[in-house]
Structures are given as C-alpha cells and as structure tokens.
Amino acid sequence: TLAREQRISDRTLTNTDTNTKGGYTVEFGEKYYPALELKTDSDAFDRPAHQWLHNNKKIGSYVDYDLMVAEYTTAINGKELYEKLGSSIIKEYTTTYYVDGQVNDTIKTGNMIKTNIRDYEKTGNGVLTQVFVNDDDKNITIVSINTYIAQAVADYNTKKETLSFASPDETKFFKALASSTLSVEDFPAIADMKADDLFLITMAETSTNKFTVQSVAAVEKLENKDITKFTKESKLTTDGTEYKYSKKGTIWNELAGYNTTKLDNTYNIYLDQYGYVIGAAEVKAGDENLQYLYVNEVSVVPADWGTGVADSVRVKVTYLDGTE
C-alpha cells in the first residue's frame, strides 16, 4: 500500500485474497531496478504508449496494445465503429483521430453512428487503422498509418552506413521529409539494398510539416506476370488471382495506359505487407530477369533503297516464358 514504491504501474488493485482494495502491485523491476521508470506516453503516430526510462534516460516508447480494441487494414465506416464501441462510450468519451501523426477530423463522435455506412476517406486497403480506448481517461484514440513504396537511389553506403532513397510518385509526405537518408543503426534492413531496390516505409509527422521514416520493410515482388484483367481504380488479376490496390499505391503510369492491346506485356507487381498492390512496372525487353531463347525473325526496312541506309531494324524475339 506504499505509493512511493510505484515506478512502473500506479494502478490500484481490486479486492483479492492477499490485498485489500487500494493496494498496489510491486513489479520485480521496481524492487531490484529502482532507476527503471515507466511513464504514459504516445508514439510518433500518437498511439498510446509506454515510455521506459532508466536514470531518466529514455529507452523507448512502445505501443500499449492492452488498450487496443480493434484493428483494420481496409476501409471502415461509422457504423462499424458504432457497433464496436457502443453508443454510451462514443457519447461519454473524447475522440481524437490521427493520420500519419497528424490530427484529422474525418472521424469524430458525430459520425460514429449506426446509419453512417460511408467509408471514411482516410481509411482503405493497405491503411492500418487502430482503435484504442482508455477507460481511465475516458478517451478514444483512432490512428491510421499509411504504407508507402520507396526506391533506393544508390547502393547502401558502407562507409557512412546510410541509404539514400526517393519516392516514385513524389507525394507531399516525401517532399516534407526531414531527411531522405536512412541510417543502418535505425533500420538494419537497408544494409543489403542496392540502387533501384524498392521497399516499404511508414512515415509520421514528428514536427510541423516535417515527416520522418518510422519503419522499413521488404516489398513482395511478383515477377514477369501477365495481367489478364485490370481496373484502373481498384484491382487487377494475374495467374487467376485478384489483387486489390493499396490506397497509397503508385503504378508510375505503367498501368494507366493499360488496355486490351497490351495484354501480351508482362509486369513486375509489388505487394505491400497486407497483400495489396502498391506498385507495378512493365518488364522491358533487355531486363536482366528476361533470358532470350532465340531470335526468330529479323527484318530491315531501308529509308533509301539506293544507298541501303536502314530506316529501322525490327527484331522479333521469343523469351523463355513464350512471350514475343
């Protein structure tokens, strides 16, 4: 029952066999590591978190998943939140919504109602949306975290232990990045990356209009795929499997001009960590991942039959996968 012993958890206990109401739990760390301290905090995306300190030096902040009541990677609407949280909590608690670390008013108490079946515009495929409820403070925190695709602009620098990167689509978030260089100390995965490699990142606004990378992950690559069906706004089909697009995906204009006359082309398709298409690029003849089987036709069309100067040379090639 000594409050001064509490440095990790100050929550009081309910009645138990050995403790009266109002007692505390003394953690092992509190007893044997008196310099270890736990404080309530939020992470870079404004999710509720535990902040650990030792001798007043910050070790790190870690999301308090005990408070999380729901998680989505698709679009959600007010009806879903109403059914998950209940009307009394929605009315009595304060609701705050963040997108990539920015306060956003798209989701608020007034639209978390059972008749609202319209998807919130900031949520969607490939957007991680997490819902936290703190009954002690009576607040609801909803956070959406987007995933973006990035590209290495050079090989990993072994001397500086850094990797420079860019975005193929130049979104406002990339333009507002505090730095376009990653350190291997923060992101060990970059040590194996080469120029033009693609990877996934998340970013958060850590100061006004300045975004920093929070995570780096590998992107899944489907190589040399035929696209048998395509919808510009929503999905594509390859190898008989339908893939929906990630909300923050980019097709770099490769599929923007897609039509039935391009059915013979093959593409590299890139998936995010949730299985949504976040990028696609047409495989060009001569790419290192294509191997020539044989040349089956060569034709020369001269500009001037008298001089024999060629206007164009056409070479028809069949690849190992049978495409020409």
Protein backbone atom coordinates (compact mmCIF):
# COMPACT_ATOMS: atom_id res chain seq x y z
CA THR A 1 0.00 0.00 0.00
CA LEU A 2 3.04 2.31 -0.24
CA ALA A 3 2.59 4.65 -3.19
CA ARG A 4 6.26 5.62 -3.16
CA GLU A 5 7.19 2.10 -4.30
CA GLN A 6 5.33 2.57 -7.58
CA ARG A 7 7.56 3.49 -10.50
CA ILE A 8 6.17 1.16 -13.16
CA SER A 9 2.45 0.77 -12.50
CA ASP A 10 0.36 3.02 -10.28
CA ARG A 11 -2.92 1.22 -10.87
CA THR A 12 -4.66 0.17 -7.70
CA LEU A 13 -5.89 -3.36 -7.18
CA THR A 14 -9.39 -4.61 -6.54
CA ASN A 15 -10.04 -6.95 -3.64
CA THR A 16 -8.05 -10.18 -3.75
CA ASP A 17 -7.13 -12.88 -1.26
CA THR A 18 -3.92 -11.11 -0.26
CA ASN A 19 -4.59 -7.44 -1.00
CA THR A 20 -7.23 -5.02 0.16
CA LYS A 21 -8.81 -2.59 -2.26
CA GLY A 22 -6.41 0.27 -2.89
CA GLY A 23 -3.26 -1.81 -2.72
CA TYR A 24 -0.58 -1.91 -5.41
CA THR A 25 1.41 -4.47 -7.33
CA VAL A 26 5.16 -4.15 -6.85
CA GLU A 27 6.94 -5.27 -10.01
CA PHE A 28 10.28 -7.09 -9.98
CA GLY A 29 11.85 -4.11 -11.73
CA GLU A 30 10.56 -1.70 -9.12
CA LYS A 31 12.14 -3.73 -6.34
CA TYR A 32 15.51 -4.50 -7.89
CA TYR A 33 15.94 -1.76 -10.52
CA PRO A 34 14.94 1.45 -8.74
CA ALA A 35 16.31 3.58 -11.59
CA LEU A 36 13.85 1.97 -14.05
CA GLU A 37 10.72 4.03 -14.61
CA LEU A 38 7.58 3.79 -16.71
CA LYS A 39 5.55 6.78 -17.89
CA THR A 40 2.45 7.20 -20.01
CA ASP A 41 3.35 8.42 -23.48
CA SER A 42 2.38 8.30 -27.13
CA ASP A 43 4.44 7.12 -30.09
CA ALA A 44 5.24 9.03 -33.28
CA PHE A 45 1.81 8.14 -34.70
CA ASP A 46 0.12 9.33 -31.45
CA ARG A 47 -0.87 5.85 -30.34
CA PRO A 48 -0.96 5.44 -26.54
CA ALA A 49 2.35 4.00 -25.43
CA HIS A 50 4.58 3.05 -22.51
CA GLN A 51 7.70 5.16 -22.21
CA TRP A 52 10.56 3.43 -20.40
CA LEU A 53 13.37 5.38 -18.76
CA HIS A 54 16.47 4.37 -16.86
CA ASN A 55 18.25 7.00 -14.78
CA ASN A 56 15.94 9.49 -16.52
CA LYS A 57 17.33 8.47 -19.94
CA LYS A 58 14.70 7.41 -22.44
CA ILE A 59 14.96 3.79 -23.57
CA GLY A 60 11.97 3.88 -25.91
CA SER A 61 8.21 4.16 -26.31
CA TYR A 62 6.15 1.06 -27.02
CA VAL A 63 2.52 0.94 -28.06
CA ASP A 64 0.09 0.00 -25.30
CA TYR A 65 -1.78 -2.74 -27.12
CA ASP A 66 -3.76 -3.54 -23.96
CA LEU A 67 -5.86 -0.50 -24.86
CA MET A 68 -6.44 -1.53 -28.48
CA VAL A 69 -9.96 -2.79 -29.18
CA ALA A 70 -9.95 -3.03 -33.00
CA GLU A 71 -7.58 -3.08 -35.97
CA TYR A 72 -8.31 -2.78 -39.70
CA THR A 73 -6.37 -2.78 -42.97
CA THR A 74 -9.42 -1.97 -45.10
CA ALA A 75 -11.80 0.97 -45.30
CA ILE A 76 -14.14 1.39 -42.32
CA ASN A 77 -17.24 3.45 -41.64
CA GLY A 78 -19.12 4.96 -38.71
CA LYS A 79 -21.46 2.00 -38.38
CA GLU A 80 -18.55 -0.39 -37.80
CA LEU A 81 -17.12 1.85 -35.07
CA TYR A 82 -20.55 2.30 -33.51
CA GLU A 83 -21.04 -1.46 -33.31
CA LYS A 84 -17.54 -1.98 -31.94
CA LEU A 85 -17.54 0.76 -29.30
CA GLY A 86 -21.19 1.20 -28.37
CA SER A 87 -23.22 4.39 -28.16
CA SER A 88 -22.55 5.14 -24.48
CA ILE A 89 -18.76 5.13 -24.83
CA ILE A 90 -18.92 7.20 -28.01
CA LYS A 91 -21.12 9.82 -26.28
CA GLU A 92 -19.20 9.96 -23.00
CA TYR A 93 -15.61 9.70 -24.22
CA THR A 94 -13.46 12.18 -26.14
CA THR A 95 -12.47 11.01 -29.63
CA THR A 96 -9.25 12.03 -31.39
CA TYR A 97 -8.22 10.80 -34.83
CA TYR A 98 -4.70 10.89 -36.28
CA VAL A 99 -3.41 10.14 -39.78
CA ASP A 100 0.35 9.56 -40.05
CA GLY A 101 0.77 11.51 -36.83
CA GLN A 102 -1.43 14.45 -37.85
CA VAL A 103 -4.71 15.35 -36.16
CA ASN A 104 -7.59 14.80 -38.57
CA ASP A 105 -11.32 15.44 -38.13
CA THR A 106 -12.54 12.84 -40.60
CA ILE A 107 -13.55 10.51 -37.76
CA LYS A 108 -15.33 12.14 -34.83
CA THR A 109 -18.10 11.47 -32.34
CA GLY A 110 -20.79 12.94 -34.57
CA ASN A 111 -20.28 10.48 -37.43
CA MET A 112 -19.71 7.28 -35.43
CA ILE A 113 -23.36 6.32 -35.76
CA LYS A 114 -25.17 3.21 -36.92
CA THR A 115 -26.58 4.91 -40.02
CA ASN A 116 -23.19 6.00 -41.34
CA ILE A 117 -22.23 3.36 -43.90
CA ARG A 118 -19.99 5.64 -45.96
CA ASP A 119 -16.31 4.72 -45.77
CA TYR A 120 -14.01 7.23 -44.12
CA GLU A 121 -11.82 8.72 -46.84
CA LYS A 122 -8.57 8.39 -44.91
CA THR A 123 -9.03 4.64 -44.35
CA GLY A 124 -8.74 1.99 -47.05
CA ASN A 125 -6.89 -1.03 -48.36
CA GLY A 126 -3.36 -1.08 -47.02
CA VAL A 127 -4.04 1.58 -44.38
CA LEU A 128 -3.53 0.27 -40.84
CA THR A 129 -6.26 1.76 -38.64
CA GLN A 130 -6.14 1.00 -34.92
CA VAL A 131 -8.70 1.92 -32.27
CA PHE A 132 -7.66 2.45 -28.62
CA VAL A 133 -9.98 3.01 -25.66
CA ASN A 134 -8.73 4.33 -22.32
CA ASP A 135 -11.46 3.87 -19.71
CA ASP A 136 -9.44 5.65 -17.01
CA ASP A 137 -9.09 8.86 -19.04
CA LYS A 138 -12.33 8.33 -20.97
CA ASN A 139 -10.86 8.86 -24.39
CA ILE A 140 -10.91 7.10 -27.75
CA THR A 141 -7.80 7.34 -29.92
CA ILE A 142 -8.06 6.25 -33.54
CA VAL A 143 -4.91 6.15 -35.65
CA SER A 144 -4.41 5.49 -39.37
CA ILE A 145 -0.93 4.64 -40.66
CA ASN A 146 -0.25 4.62 -44.39
CA THR A 147 2.37 2.48 -46.10
CA TYR A 148 4.35 3.97 -48.98
CA ILE A 149 6.75 2.49 -51.51
CA ALA A 150 10.24 3.95 -51.75
CA GLN A 151 13.22 3.37 -54.00
CA ALA A 152 16.95 3.36 -53.26
CA VAL A 153 18.76 5.95 -55.40
CA ALA A 154 22.17 4.33 -54.85
CA ASP A 155 23.74 1.27 -53.27
CA TYR A 156 23.95 1.17 -49.49
CA ASN A 157 26.90 3.31 -48.44
CA THR A 158 29.11 1.02 -46.37
CA LYS A 159 31.34 3.87 -45.15
CA LYS A 160 28.56 6.17 -43.98
CA GLU A 161 26.26 3.23 -43.19
CA THR A 162 23.36 5.03 -44.84
CA LEU A 163 20.96 4.61 -47.74
CA SER A 164 19.55 7.45 -49.86
CA PHE A 165 16.04 6.97 -51.18
CA ALA A 166 13.25 8.70 -53.06
CA SER A 167 9.61 8.24 -53.97
CA PRO A 168 8.45 7.34 -57.47
CA ASP A 169 5.30 9.47 -57.10
CA GLU A 170 6.64 12.46 -55.11
CA THR A 171 3.77 12.68 -52.63
CA LYS A 172 3.61 15.67 -50.31
CA PHE A 173 4.84 13.46 -47.48
CA PHE A 174 8.05 12.65 -49.33
CA LYS A 175 8.55 16.31 -50.19
CA ALA A 176 8.21 17.17 -46.49
CA LEU A 177 10.64 14.51 -45.28
CA ALA A 178 13.08 15.73 -42.68
CA SER A 179 15.72 13.58 -44.40
CA SER A 180 15.87 11.31 -47.44
CA THR A 181 18.68 9.26 -45.91
CA LEU A 182 18.26 6.23 -43.67
CA SER A 183 20.75 5.01 -41.08
CA VAL A 184 21.51 1.31 -40.65
CA GLU A 185 21.54 1.87 -36.89
CA ASP A 186 17.82 2.71 -37.07
CA PHE A 187 16.90 0.38 -39.93
CA PRO A 188 19.20 -2.70 -40.21
CA ALA A 189 17.33 -3.98 -43.28
CA ILE A 190 18.90 -1.34 -45.54
CA ALA A 191 22.38 -2.91 -45.33
CA ASP A 192 21.63 -5.30 -48.22
CA MET A 193 19.96 -2.79 -50.55
CA LYS A 194 21.18 -1.81 -53.99
CA ALA A 195 20.37 1.09 -56.28
CA ASP A 196 16.77 0.96 -57.61
CA ASP A 197 15.66 -1.58 -54.98
CA LEU A 198 12.12 -0.98 -53.78
CA PHE A 199 10.95 -1.22 -50.19
CA LEU A 200 8.06 -0.23 -47.92
CA ILE A 201 8.12 2.58 -45.40
CA THR A 202 5.81 4.30 -42.93
CA MET A 203 6.22 7.98 -42.05
CA ALA A 204 4.97 10.23 -39.26
CA GLU A 205 4.83 13.98 -38.76
CA THR A 206 7.21 14.46 -35.86
CA SER A 207 7.30 18.26 -36.06
CA THR A 208 5.28 20.80 -38.02
CA ASN A 209 5.28 19.77 -41.68
CA LYS A 210 8.29 17.53 -41.17
CA PHE A 211 7.95 13.80 -41.63
CA THR A 212 10.37 11.09 -40.57
CA VAL A 213 10.52 7.44 -41.55
CA GLN A 214 9.30 5.14 -38.78
CA SER A 215 9.68 1.68 -40.34
CA VAL A 216 11.30 -0.08 -43.29
CA ALA A 217 10.10 -3.42 -44.66
CA ALA A 218 10.63 -5.59 -47.71
CA VAL A 219 8.18 -5.41 -50.59
CA GLU A 220 6.87 -8.64 -52.12
CA LYS A 221 7.60 -8.89 -55.84
CA LEU A 222 5.62 -10.92 -58.36
CA GLU A 223 7.93 -11.17 -61.36
CA ASN A 224 7.09 -11.23 -65.08
CA LYS A 225 3.35 -11.58 -64.63
CA ASP A 226 0.66 -11.39 -67.28
CA ILE A 227 -2.26 -9.18 -66.29
CA THR A 228 -5.46 -10.75 -67.54
CA LYS A 229 -7.88 -8.24 -66.01
CA PHE A 230 -7.40 -4.65 -64.96
CA THR A 231 -9.44 -1.88 -63.41
CA LYS A 232 -7.59 1.42 -63.16
CA GLU A 233 -9.15 2.44 -59.85
CA SER A 234 -9.36 -0.78 -57.88
CA LYS A 235 -7.82 -4.13 -58.86
CA LEU A 236 -6.00 -6.40 -61.27
CA THR A 237 -5.85 -10.13 -61.92
CA THR A 238 -2.76 -12.24 -62.58
CA ASP A 239 -2.32 -16.02 -62.51
CA GLY A 240 -6.04 -16.30 -61.75
CA THR A 241 -5.70 -14.31 -58.50
CA GLU A 242 -7.32 -10.93 -57.96
CA TYR A 243 -5.32 -8.25 -56.15
CA LYS A 244 -6.80 -5.00 -54.90
CA TYR A 245 -4.77 -1.80 -54.86
CA SER A 246 -3.25 -0.26 -51.77
CA LYS A 247 -4.66 3.19 -51.04
CA LYS A 248 -1.22 4.80 -51.22
CA GLY A 249 -0.02 2.62 -54.07
CA THR A 250 1.57 4.00 -57.18
CA ILE A 251 1.57 2.46 -60.63
CA TRP A 252 4.01 5.05 -62.02
CA ASN A 253 1.85 5.44 -65.14
CA GLU A 254 2.77 1.89 -66.16
CA LEU A 255 -0.81 0.68 -65.94
CA ALA A 256 -2.52 4.00 -66.59
CA GLY A 257 -2.47 3.33 -70.33
CA TYR A 258 -3.27 -0.33 -69.97
CA ASN A 259 -5.77 -1.70 -72.48
CA THR A 260 -6.54 -4.89 -74.33
CA THR A 261 -3.80 -4.23 -76.88
CA LYS A 262 -1.19 -4.60 -74.12
CA LEU A 263 -2.30 -8.00 -72.86
CA ASP A 264 0.91 -9.56 -74.16
CA ASN A 265 3.09 -7.36 -71.96
CA THR A 266 4.43 -8.67 -68.66
CA TYR A 267 4.75 -6.76 -65.42
CA ASN A 268 6.52 -6.84 -62.12
CA ILE A 269 3.85 -6.39 -59.46
CA TYR A 270 4.71 -5.20 -55.96
CA LEU A 271 2.62 -6.02 -52.89
CA ASP A 272 2.54 -4.34 -49.50
CA GLN A 273 2.65 -6.22 -46.18
CA TYR A 274 -1.11 -6.75 -46.30
CA GLY A 275 -1.19 -8.26 -49.80
CA TYR A 276 -2.39 -5.20 -51.74
CA VAL A 277 -0.79 -3.94 -54.97
CA ILE A 278 1.36 -0.92 -54.13
CA GLY A 279 3.28 -0.70 -57.40
CA ALA A 280 3.66 -2.19 -60.86
CA ALA A 281 6.18 -1.78 -63.65
CA GLU A 282 6.21 -3.10 -67.19
CA VAL A 283 9.07 -5.51 -67.86
CA LYS A 284 11.09 -4.09 -70.71
CA ALA A 285 12.93 -6.15 -73.28
CA GLY A 286 16.50 -6.49 -72.13
CA ASP A 287 15.69 -6.52 -68.39
CA GLU A 288 18.16 -8.77 -66.62
CA ASN A 289 15.39 -11.07 -65.45
CA LEU A 290 14.45 -11.95 -69.04
CA GLN A 291 16.55 -14.51 -70.91
CA TYR A 292 16.48 -14.79 -74.68
CA LEU A 293 15.67 -18.18 -76.12
CA TYR A 294 16.15 -17.42 -79.80
CA VAL A 295 15.70 -14.77 -82.46
CA ASN A 296 13.11 -15.98 -84.93
CA GLU A 297 12.78 -13.02 -87.29
CA VAL A 298 14.85 -10.00 -88.39
CA SER A 299 13.65 -7.51 -90.98
CA VAL A 300 15.34 -4.37 -92.27
CA VAL A 301 13.35 -1.52 -93.79
CA PRO A 302 15.71 0.85 -95.67
CA ALA A 303 14.95 4.53 -95.95
CA ASP A 304 16.61 4.70 -99.36
CA TRP A 305 16.91 1.55 -101.43
CA GLY A 306 19.66 3.16 -103.45
CA THR A 307 22.03 3.78 -100.52
CA GLY A 308 20.92 0.89 -98.33
CA VAL A 309 20.76 3.11 -95.26
CA ALA A 310 18.32 1.47 -92.85
CA ASP A 311 15.39 3.44 -91.50
CA SER A 312 14.63 0.79 -88.90
CA VAL A 313 15.62 -2.69 -87.84
CA ARG A 314 12.98 -4.95 -86.38
CA VAL A 315 13.98 -7.96 -84.31
CA LYS A 316 11.38 -10.46 -83.16
CA VAL A 317 12.47 -12.37 -80.05
CA THR A 318 10.86 -15.24 -78.18
CA TYR A 319 11.58 -15.37 -74.44
CA LEU A 320 11.79 -18.45 -72.24
CA ASP A 321 8.28 -17.86 -70.99
CA GLY A 322 6.96 -17.92 -74.56
CA THR A 323 6.21 -14.20 -74.93
CA GLU A 324 7.40 -12.47 -78.09
